[in-house]
């Protein structure tokens, strides 16, 4: 071996060592120093259900437990309704407010849908109603809904007919 390959070998080793050191310093090396430490092993498990918050100020040392207020589910009629989401499933209609989670859909008749659609204030784009369809949605209920929403006075640009199907 000549001098040149030995120098390159030492230079490569130095660069590799420098890379590992810098990687640890900046936290870029996966698996190194990523396990649970001593504090996690000795700490008491915290109950997830209670979610109580310990609060104290500098003036008082006595900790105070603050319990979060329980979430109350309000019916759709009591919610401030910006956009009404309608889901056509087979031959039936399901409705929810756009601000509610996906699992809050509930069955509704066409007359109730029209009433709720008129109450919707609309979002920043002027959309008052969004209509989704499942894979089993029928054409007749969709056509009937289009006709009734048109009769109710909602303009076509206030209704967002989604093209994609949802589960």
N, C-alpha and C. Protein backbone atom coordinates (compact mmCIF):
# COMPACT_ATOMS: atom_id res chain seq x y z
N UNK A 1 0.83 -1.18 0.00
CA UNK A 1 0.00 0.00 0.00
C UNK A 1 0.87 1.24 0.00
N UNK A 2 0.47 2.16 -0.83
CA UNK A 2 1.22 3.40 -0.90
C UNK A 2 0.70 4.40 0.10
N UNK A 3 1.28 5.60 0.03
CA UNK A 3 0.87 6.65 0.96
C UNK A 3 -0.53 7.19 0.63
N UNK A 4 -0.85 7.24 -0.63
CA UNK A 4 -2.12 7.86 -1.04
C UNK A 4 -3.35 7.08 -0.52
N UNK A 5 -3.46 5.75 -0.69
CA UNK A 5 -4.64 5.04 -0.17
C UNK A 5 -4.74 5.10 1.36
N UNK A 6 -3.60 5.12 2.07
CA UNK A 6 -3.63 5.21 3.53
C UNK A 6 -4.17 6.56 3.98
N UNK A 7 -3.78 7.62 3.30
CA UNK A 7 -4.26 8.95 3.65
C UNK A 7 -5.77 9.05 3.41
N UNK A 8 -6.23 8.47 2.30
CA UNK A 8 -7.66 8.50 2.01
C UNK A 8 -8.44 7.68 3.02
N UNK A 9 -7.87 6.59 3.49
CA UNK A 9 -8.52 5.76 4.49
C UNK A 9 -8.66 6.53 5.80
N UNK A 10 -7.61 7.22 6.21
CA UNK A 10 -7.67 8.01 7.45
C UNK A 10 -8.64 9.20 7.30
N UNK A 11 -8.63 9.82 6.13
CA UNK A 11 -9.53 10.95 5.89
C UNK A 11 -10.99 10.47 5.92
N UNK A 12 -11.25 9.33 5.31
CA UNK A 12 -12.61 8.78 5.31
C UNK A 12 -13.07 8.43 6.72
N UNK A 13 -12.18 7.85 7.51
CA UNK A 13 -12.51 7.51 8.90
C UNK A 13 -12.78 8.76 9.72
N UNK A 14 -11.99 9.80 9.49
CA UNK A 14 -12.18 11.06 10.21
C UNK A 14 -13.50 11.71 9.85
N UNK A 15 -13.83 11.68 8.56
CA UNK A 15 -15.11 12.27 8.13
C UNK A 15 -16.28 11.48 8.71
N UNK A 16 -16.17 10.15 8.74
CA UNK A 16 -17.22 9.31 9.30
C UNK A 16 -17.40 9.60 10.80
N UNK A 17 -16.31 9.70 11.54
CA UNK A 17 -16.40 10.00 12.97
C UNK A 17 -17.01 11.38 13.20
N UNK A 18 -16.58 12.36 12.41
CA UNK A 18 -17.13 13.70 12.53
C UNK A 18 -18.63 13.71 12.22
N UNK A 19 -19.03 12.95 11.23
CA UNK A 19 -20.44 12.86 10.87
C UNK A 19 -21.28 12.26 12.00
N UNK A 20 -20.76 11.22 12.64
CA UNK A 20 -21.49 10.60 13.75
C UNK A 20 -21.61 11.56 14.92
N UNK A 21 -20.53 12.25 15.24
CA UNK A 21 -20.55 13.21 16.35
C UNK A 21 -21.54 14.34 16.07
N UNK A 22 -21.49 14.91 14.87
CA UNK A 22 -22.42 15.99 14.53
C UNK A 22 -23.86 15.48 14.47
N UNK A 23 -24.05 14.25 14.00
CA UNK A 23 -25.38 13.67 13.96
C UNK A 23 -25.99 13.50 15.35
N UNK A 24 -25.16 13.08 16.31
CA UNK A 24 -25.65 12.97 17.68
C UNK A 24 -25.94 14.35 18.26
N UNK A 25 -25.09 15.29 17.97
CA UNK A 25 -25.27 16.64 18.51
C UNK A 25 -26.57 17.26 18.02
N UNK A 26 -26.89 17.09 16.74
CA UNK A 26 -28.10 17.67 16.17
C UNK A 26 -29.30 16.72 16.22
N UNK A 27 -29.14 15.53 16.79
CA UNK A 27 -30.24 14.58 16.93
C UNK A 27 -30.64 13.93 15.64
N UNK A 28 -29.72 13.75 14.71
CA UNK A 28 -30.04 13.19 13.40
C UNK A 28 -29.75 11.70 13.30
N UNK A 29 -29.18 11.09 14.32
CA UNK A 29 -28.83 9.68 14.25
C UNK A 29 -29.96 8.86 14.85
N UNK A 30 -30.68 8.08 14.05
CA UNK A 30 -31.80 7.30 14.58
C UNK A 30 -31.30 6.15 15.44
N UNK A 31 -32.01 5.90 16.54
CA UNK A 31 -31.67 4.77 17.39
C UNK A 31 -30.67 5.08 18.47
N UNK A 32 -29.90 6.12 18.34
CA UNK A 32 -28.93 6.46 19.36
C UNK A 32 -29.56 7.51 20.28
N UNK A 33 -29.57 7.25 21.54
CA UNK A 33 -30.16 8.13 22.56
C UNK A 33 -31.65 8.36 22.31
N UNK A 34 -32.34 7.37 21.77
CA UNK A 34 -33.77 7.56 21.51
C UNK A 34 -34.64 6.69 22.41
N UNK A 35 -34.04 5.85 23.26
CA UNK A 35 -34.80 4.99 24.15
C UNK A 35 -35.32 5.76 25.35
N UNK A 36 -36.12 5.06 26.17
CA UNK A 36 -36.62 5.70 27.37
C UNK A 36 -35.50 5.79 28.39
N UNK A 37 -35.44 6.88 29.07
CA UNK A 37 -34.38 7.10 30.04
C UNK A 37 -34.77 6.63 31.42
N UNK A 38 -33.93 6.92 32.40
CA UNK A 38 -34.17 6.52 33.77
C UNK A 38 -35.44 7.15 34.33
N UNK A 39 -35.72 8.40 33.97
CA UNK A 39 -36.87 9.10 34.51
C UNK A 39 -38.18 8.44 34.07
N UNK A 40 -38.23 7.93 32.88
CA UNK A 40 -39.45 7.29 32.40
C UNK A 40 -39.69 5.95 33.09
N UNK A 41 -38.62 5.25 33.46
CA UNK A 41 -38.76 3.96 34.11
C UNK A 41 -39.26 4.11 35.54
N UNK A 42 -38.83 5.15 36.23
CA UNK A 42 -39.19 5.32 37.64
C UNK A 42 -40.42 6.18 37.84
N UNK A 43 -40.88 6.89 36.81
CA UNK A 43 -42.04 7.77 36.95
C UNK A 43 -43.31 6.95 37.10
N UNK A 44 -44.26 7.50 37.87
CA UNK A 44 -45.54 6.83 38.06
C UNK A 44 -46.40 7.03 36.82
N UNK A 45 -47.16 6.01 36.41
CA UNK A 45 -48.03 6.18 35.24
C UNK A 45 -49.15 7.17 35.55
N UNK A 46 -49.46 8.01 34.57
CA UNK A 46 -50.49 9.03 34.72
C UNK A 46 -51.77 8.51 34.08
N UNK A 47 -52.90 8.67 34.77
CA UNK A 47 -54.18 8.24 34.21
C UNK A 47 -54.59 9.17 33.09
N UNK A 48 -54.93 8.58 31.94
CA UNK A 48 -55.33 9.38 30.79
C UNK A 48 -56.76 9.89 30.94
N UNK A 49 -57.60 9.15 31.67
CA UNK A 49 -59.01 9.49 31.73
C UNK A 49 -59.27 10.77 32.51
N UNK A 50 -58.53 10.99 33.58
CA UNK A 50 -58.84 12.14 34.43
C UNK A 50 -58.43 13.45 33.77
N UNK A 51 -57.27 13.48 33.18
CA UNK A 51 -56.75 14.67 32.50
C UNK A 51 -56.89 15.92 33.36
N UNK A 52 -56.67 15.78 34.63
CA UNK A 52 -56.72 16.93 35.53
C UNK A 52 -55.44 17.73 35.36
N UNK A 53 -55.54 19.01 35.49
CA UNK A 53 -54.41 19.89 35.30
C UNK A 53 -54.02 20.47 36.65
N UNK A 54 -52.77 20.34 37.00
CA UNK A 54 -52.28 20.94 38.24
C UNK A 54 -51.94 22.39 37.95
N UNK A 55 -52.53 23.27 38.73
CA UNK A 55 -52.29 24.69 38.51
C UNK A 55 -51.90 25.34 39.82
N UNK A 56 -50.94 26.22 39.77
CA UNK A 56 -50.56 27.01 40.93
C UNK A 56 -49.88 28.27 40.43
N UNK A 57 -49.88 29.24 41.25
CA UNK A 57 -49.21 30.49 40.89
C UNK A 57 -48.03 30.67 41.82
N UNK A 58 -47.22 31.66 41.54
CA UNK A 58 -46.05 31.89 42.37
C UNK A 58 -46.43 32.36 43.77
N UNK A 59 -47.56 33.05 43.91
CA UNK A 59 -47.95 33.59 45.20
C UNK A 59 -48.50 32.50 46.12
N UNK A 60 -49.11 31.47 45.58
CA UNK A 60 -49.63 30.40 46.43
C UNK A 60 -48.96 29.09 46.06
N UNK A 61 -48.65 28.31 47.03
CA UNK A 61 -47.92 27.07 46.80
C UNK A 61 -48.88 25.89 46.77
N UNK A 62 -50.10 26.05 47.23
CA UNK A 62 -51.06 24.96 47.28
C UNK A 62 -51.55 24.67 45.86
N UNK A 63 -51.33 23.44 45.36
CA UNK A 63 -51.81 23.12 44.01
C UNK A 63 -53.33 22.99 43.98
N UNK A 64 -53.92 23.38 42.88
CA UNK A 64 -55.36 23.34 42.70
C UNK A 64 -55.65 22.47 41.48
N UNK A 65 -56.58 21.54 41.62
CA UNK A 65 -56.96 20.69 40.50
C UNK A 65 -58.06 21.37 39.70
N UNK A 66 -57.85 21.47 38.40
CA UNK A 66 -58.84 22.06 37.51
C UNK A 66 -59.36 20.94 36.62
N UNK A 67 -60.62 20.64 36.70
CA UNK A 67 -61.22 19.61 35.87
C UNK A 67 -61.78 20.25 34.61
N UNK A 68 -61.51 19.68 33.43
CA UNK A 68 -62.10 20.23 32.21
C UNK A 68 -63.60 20.00 32.21
N UNK A 69 -64.32 20.94 31.61
CA UNK A 69 -65.77 20.82 31.53
C UNK A 69 -66.13 19.69 30.58
N UNK A 70 -67.12 18.89 30.94
CA UNK A 70 -67.51 17.81 30.03
C UNK A 70 -68.13 18.38 28.76
N UNK A 71 -67.78 17.75 27.63
CA UNK A 71 -68.33 18.18 26.35
C UNK A 71 -69.76 17.71 26.23
N UNK A 72 -70.62 18.62 25.88
CA UNK A 72 -72.02 18.26 25.70
C UNK A 72 -72.34 18.29 24.22
N UNK A 73 -72.95 17.20 23.76
CA UNK A 73 -73.35 17.14 22.36
C UNK A 73 -74.67 17.87 22.19
N UNK A 74 -74.66 18.87 21.35
CA UNK A 74 -75.88 19.63 21.09
C UNK A 74 -76.54 19.08 19.84
N UNK A 75 -77.86 19.11 19.81
CA UNK A 75 -78.53 18.71 18.57
C UNK A 75 -78.22 19.69 17.44
N UNK A 76 -78.42 19.25 16.23
CA UNK A 76 -78.08 20.04 15.05
C UNK A 76 -78.82 21.37 15.01
N UNK A 77 -80.06 21.39 15.52
CA UNK A 77 -80.85 22.61 15.49
C UNK A 77 -80.27 23.70 16.40
N UNK A 78 -79.54 23.31 17.46
CA UNK A 78 -79.00 24.28 18.41
C UNK A 78 -77.61 24.81 18.00
N UNK A 79 -76.95 24.13 17.09
CA UNK A 79 -75.61 24.55 16.68
C UNK A 79 -75.68 25.76 15.75
N UNK A 80 -74.70 26.69 15.87
CA UNK A 80 -74.65 27.75 14.86
C UNK A 80 -74.21 27.11 13.54
N UNK A 81 -75.11 27.10 12.59
CA UNK A 81 -74.91 26.34 11.36
C UNK A 81 -74.37 27.24 10.26
N UNK A 82 -73.12 26.97 9.85
CA UNK A 82 -72.55 27.69 8.71
C UNK A 82 -72.82 26.92 7.43
N UNK A 83 -72.40 25.64 7.44
CA UNK A 83 -72.56 24.79 6.25
C UNK A 83 -73.25 23.49 6.68
N UNK A 84 -74.25 23.10 5.94
CA UNK A 84 -74.96 21.85 6.19
C UNK A 84 -74.38 20.78 5.29
N UNK A 85 -73.93 19.68 5.88
CA UNK A 85 -73.43 18.54 5.11
C UNK A 85 -74.55 17.54 4.96
N UNK A 86 -74.81 17.13 3.73
CA UNK A 86 -75.84 16.14 3.44
C UNK A 86 -75.16 14.95 2.79
N UNK A 87 -75.46 13.76 3.28
CA UNK A 87 -74.92 12.52 2.72
C UNK A 87 -76.09 11.71 2.17
N UNK A 88 -76.02 11.40 0.89
CA UNK A 88 -77.04 10.56 0.28
C UNK A 88 -76.52 9.13 0.32
N UNK A 89 -77.25 8.29 1.06
CA UNK A 89 -76.88 6.89 1.23
C UNK A 89 -78.04 6.03 0.78
N UNK A 90 -77.86 5.32 -0.32
CA UNK A 90 -78.91 4.51 -0.94
C UNK A 90 -80.09 5.42 -1.29
N UNK A 91 -81.21 5.28 -0.60
CA UNK A 91 -82.37 6.14 -0.88
C UNK A 91 -82.68 7.08 0.28
N UNK A 92 -81.75 7.23 1.21
CA UNK A 92 -82.01 8.07 2.38
C UNK A 92 -81.01 9.22 2.47
N UNK A 93 -81.36 10.20 3.30
CA UNK A 93 -80.52 11.37 3.51
C UNK A 93 -80.02 11.37 4.95
N UNK A 94 -78.75 11.73 5.12
CA UNK A 94 -78.15 11.90 6.44
C UNK A 94 -77.60 13.32 6.49
N UNK A 95 -77.75 13.99 7.63
CA UNK A 95 -77.28 15.37 7.74
C UNK A 95 -76.42 15.55 8.97
N UNK A 96 -75.57 16.57 8.93
CA UNK A 96 -74.78 17.03 10.07
C UNK A 96 -74.28 18.41 9.75
N UNK A 97 -73.85 19.13 10.78
CA UNK A 97 -73.20 20.42 10.56
C UNK A 97 -71.77 20.15 10.10
N UNK A 98 -71.22 21.00 9.27
CA UNK A 98 -69.86 20.79 8.77
C UNK A 98 -68.84 20.82 9.90
N UNK A 99 -69.16 21.49 11.00
CA UNK A 99 -68.22 21.58 12.13
C UNK A 99 -68.24 20.32 12.99
N UNK A 100 -69.19 19.43 12.79
CA UNK A 100 -69.27 18.21 13.58
C UNK A 100 -68.40 17.12 12.97
N UNK A 101 -67.98 16.14 13.78
CA UNK A 101 -67.20 15.03 13.23
C UNK A 101 -68.02 14.15 12.29
N UNK A 102 -67.31 13.33 11.53
CA UNK A 102 -67.93 12.52 10.48
C UNK A 102 -68.97 11.55 11.03
N UNK A 103 -68.78 11.07 12.25
CA UNK A 103 -69.70 10.07 12.80
C UNK A 103 -71.00 10.66 13.36
N UNK A 104 -71.21 11.96 13.22
CA UNK A 104 -72.39 12.62 13.75
C UNK A 104 -73.54 12.72 12.74
N UNK A 105 -73.41 12.07 11.58
CA UNK A 105 -74.51 12.08 10.62
C UNK A 105 -75.74 11.43 11.25
N UNK A 106 -76.91 12.01 10.98
CA UNK A 106 -78.16 11.43 11.46
C UNK A 106 -79.19 11.49 10.34
N UNK A 107 -80.15 10.57 10.33
CA UNK A 107 -81.16 10.55 9.26
C UNK A 107 -82.05 11.79 9.31
N UNK A 108 -82.50 12.23 8.14
CA UNK A 108 -83.39 13.40 8.05
C UNK A 108 -84.28 13.27 6.83
N UNK A 109 -85.45 13.88 6.94
CA UNK A 109 -86.39 13.93 5.82
C UNK A 109 -86.07 15.18 4.99
N UNK A 110 -86.60 15.21 3.77
CA UNK A 110 -86.31 16.30 2.84
C UNK A 110 -86.81 17.65 3.37
N UNK A 111 -87.95 17.66 4.09
CA UNK A 111 -88.48 18.92 4.63
C UNK A 111 -87.55 19.50 5.69
N UNK A 112 -86.98 18.63 6.55
CA UNK A 112 -86.04 19.10 7.58
C UNK A 112 -84.75 19.60 6.93
N UNK A 113 -84.32 18.93 5.87
CA UNK A 113 -83.11 19.35 5.16
C UNK A 113 -83.29 20.75 4.58
N UNK A 114 -84.44 21.02 4.00
CA UNK A 114 -84.71 22.34 3.42
C UNK A 114 -84.69 23.41 4.51
N UNK A 115 -85.31 23.11 5.66
CA UNK A 115 -85.34 24.06 6.78
C UNK A 115 -83.92 24.36 7.27
N UNK A 116 -83.12 23.30 7.45
CA UNK A 116 -81.73 23.48 7.92
C UNK A 116 -80.90 24.22 6.88
N UNK A 117 -81.12 23.94 5.61
CA UNK A 117 -80.35 24.60 4.55
C UNK A 117 -80.64 26.09 4.52
N UNK A 118 -81.89 26.47 4.79
CA UNK A 118 -82.23 27.90 4.84
C UNK A 118 -81.61 28.60 6.04
N UNK A 119 -81.40 27.85 7.15
CA UNK A 119 -80.80 28.42 8.35
C UNK A 119 -79.29 28.58 8.24
N UNK A 120 -78.66 27.85 7.33
CA UNK A 120 -77.20 27.90 7.19
C UNK A 120 -76.77 29.29 6.74
N UNK A 121 -75.75 29.82 7.42
CA UNK A 121 -75.28 31.17 7.09
C UNK A 121 -74.25 31.18 5.96
N UNK A 122 -73.61 30.05 5.71
CA UNK A 122 -72.62 29.96 4.63
C UNK A 122 -71.21 30.21 5.13
N UNK A 123 -70.25 29.64 4.41
CA UNK A 123 -68.85 29.85 4.76
C UNK A 123 -68.29 31.04 3.99
N UNK A 124 -66.97 31.23 4.04
CA UNK A 124 -66.34 32.38 3.39
C UNK A 124 -66.44 32.34 1.87
N UNK A 125 -66.73 31.16 1.31
CA UNK A 125 -66.89 31.03 -0.14
C UNK A 125 -68.35 31.12 -0.58
N UNK A 126 -69.26 31.30 0.38
CA UNK A 126 -70.68 31.40 0.05
C UNK A 126 -71.38 30.07 -0.05
N UNK A 127 -70.72 28.99 0.37
CA UNK A 127 -71.32 27.66 0.32
C UNK A 127 -72.20 27.48 1.56
N UNK A 128 -73.46 27.11 1.34
CA UNK A 128 -74.40 26.86 2.43
C UNK A 128 -74.63 25.36 2.64
N UNK A 129 -74.55 24.59 1.55
CA UNK A 129 -74.84 23.16 1.60
C UNK A 129 -73.77 22.40 0.83
N UNK A 130 -73.28 21.31 1.42
CA UNK A 130 -72.38 20.39 0.72
C UNK A 130 -73.08 19.04 0.65
N UNK A 131 -73.10 18.46 -0.55
CA UNK A 131 -73.79 17.19 -0.74
C UNK A 131 -72.75 16.13 -1.11
N UNK A 132 -72.71 15.07 -0.31
CA UNK A 132 -71.82 13.93 -0.55
C UNK A 132 -72.68 12.72 -0.90
N UNK A 133 -72.07 11.74 -1.56
CA UNK A 133 -72.77 10.50 -1.89
C UNK A 133 -71.92 9.31 -1.50
N UNK A 134 -72.59 8.25 -1.09
CA UNK A 134 -71.89 6.98 -0.87
C UNK A 134 -71.92 6.20 -2.18
N UNK A 135 -71.24 5.09 -2.20
CA UNK A 135 -71.22 4.26 -3.40
C UNK A 135 -72.58 3.66 -3.72
N UNK A 136 -73.43 3.53 -2.70
CA UNK A 136 -74.76 2.94 -2.92
C UNK A 136 -75.84 4.00 -3.15
N UNK A 137 -75.47 5.27 -3.28
CA UNK A 137 -76.45 6.35 -3.45
C UNK A 137 -77.18 6.18 -4.78
N UNK A 138 -78.49 6.44 -4.75
CA UNK A 138 -79.34 6.33 -5.93
C UNK A 138 -79.49 7.69 -6.60
N UNK A 139 -79.84 7.68 -7.86
CA UNK A 139 -79.98 8.91 -8.63
C UNK A 139 -81.27 9.65 -8.27
N UNK A 140 -82.35 8.92 -8.03
CA UNK A 140 -83.65 9.54 -7.77
C UNK A 140 -83.61 10.45 -6.53
N UNK A 141 -83.07 10.02 -5.38
CA UNK A 141 -83.00 10.93 -4.24
C UNK A 141 -82.12 12.16 -4.50
N UNK A 142 -81.07 11.98 -5.28
CA UNK A 142 -80.20 13.11 -5.61
C UNK A 142 -80.95 14.13 -6.47
N UNK A 143 -81.67 13.65 -7.47
CA UNK A 143 -82.46 14.55 -8.31
C UNK A 143 -83.54 15.26 -7.52
N UNK A 144 -84.20 14.52 -6.61
CA UNK A 144 -85.25 15.11 -5.79
C UNK A 144 -84.66 16.20 -4.89
N UNK A 145 -83.49 15.95 -4.33
CA UNK A 145 -82.83 16.94 -3.47
C UNK A 145 -82.46 18.18 -4.27
N UNK A 146 -81.92 18.00 -5.48
CA UNK A 146 -81.59 19.14 -6.34
C UNK A 146 -82.82 19.99 -6.62
N UNK A 147 -83.91 19.33 -6.92
CA UNK A 147 -85.15 20.03 -7.23
C UNK A 147 -85.67 20.81 -6.02
N UNK A 148 -85.70 20.16 -4.86
CA UNK A 148 -86.22 20.80 -3.65
C UNK A 148 -85.33 21.95 -3.17
N UNK A 149 -84.02 21.79 -3.27
CA UNK A 149 -83.11 22.88 -2.88
C UNK A 149 -83.27 24.07 -3.83
N UNK A 150 -83.50 23.79 -5.11
CA UNK A 150 -83.74 24.86 -6.07
C UNK A 150 -85.04 25.61 -5.79
N UNK A 151 -86.08 24.86 -5.42
CA UNK A 151 -87.37 25.47 -5.09
C UNK A 151 -87.29 26.32 -3.82
N UNK A 152 -86.39 25.93 -2.90
CA UNK A 152 -86.31 26.62 -1.61
C UNK A 152 -85.68 28.01 -1.73
N UNK A 153 -85.09 28.30 -2.86
CA UNK A 153 -84.50 29.63 -3.05
C UNK A 153 -82.99 29.64 -2.96
N UNK A 154 -82.38 28.50 -2.69
CA UNK A 154 -80.91 28.45 -2.67
C UNK A 154 -80.38 28.49 -4.10
N UNK A 155 -79.44 29.36 -4.35
CA UNK A 155 -78.86 29.46 -5.69
C UNK A 155 -77.87 28.32 -5.90
N UNK A 156 -77.60 28.00 -7.15
CA UNK A 156 -76.73 26.86 -7.46
C UNK A 156 -75.31 27.05 -6.93
N UNK A 157 -74.82 28.29 -6.85
CA UNK A 157 -73.46 28.51 -6.34
C UNK A 157 -73.39 28.36 -4.82
N UNK A 158 -74.54 28.27 -4.14
CA UNK A 158 -74.57 28.06 -2.70
C UNK A 158 -74.50 26.59 -2.33
N UNK A 159 -74.61 25.72 -3.32
CA UNK A 159 -74.62 24.28 -3.09
C UNK A 159 -73.39 23.66 -3.73
N UNK A 160 -72.64 22.91 -2.94
CA UNK A 160 -71.43 22.26 -3.42
C UNK A 160 -71.72 20.76 -3.57
N UNK A 161 -71.85 20.31 -4.81
CA UNK A 161 -72.10 18.91 -5.10
C UNK A 161 -70.75 18.21 -5.25
N UNK A 162 -70.37 17.42 -4.28
CA UNK A 162 -69.08 16.71 -4.31
C UNK A 162 -69.15 15.55 -5.30
N UNK A 163 -68.11 15.43 -6.10
CA UNK A 163 -68.06 14.41 -7.14
C UNK A 163 -67.60 13.07 -6.56
N UNK A 164 -66.62 13.11 -5.64
CA UNK A 164 -66.07 11.86 -5.12
C UNK A 164 -67.05 11.18 -4.16
N UNK A 165 -66.99 9.86 -4.12
CA UNK A 165 -67.84 9.07 -3.24
C UNK A 165 -67.13 8.87 -1.91
N UNK A 166 -67.90 8.79 -0.83
CA UNK A 166 -67.30 8.51 0.47
C UNK A 166 -67.86 7.22 1.02
N UNK A 167 -67.15 6.65 1.96
CA UNK A 167 -67.57 5.36 2.56
C UNK A 167 -68.61 5.57 3.61
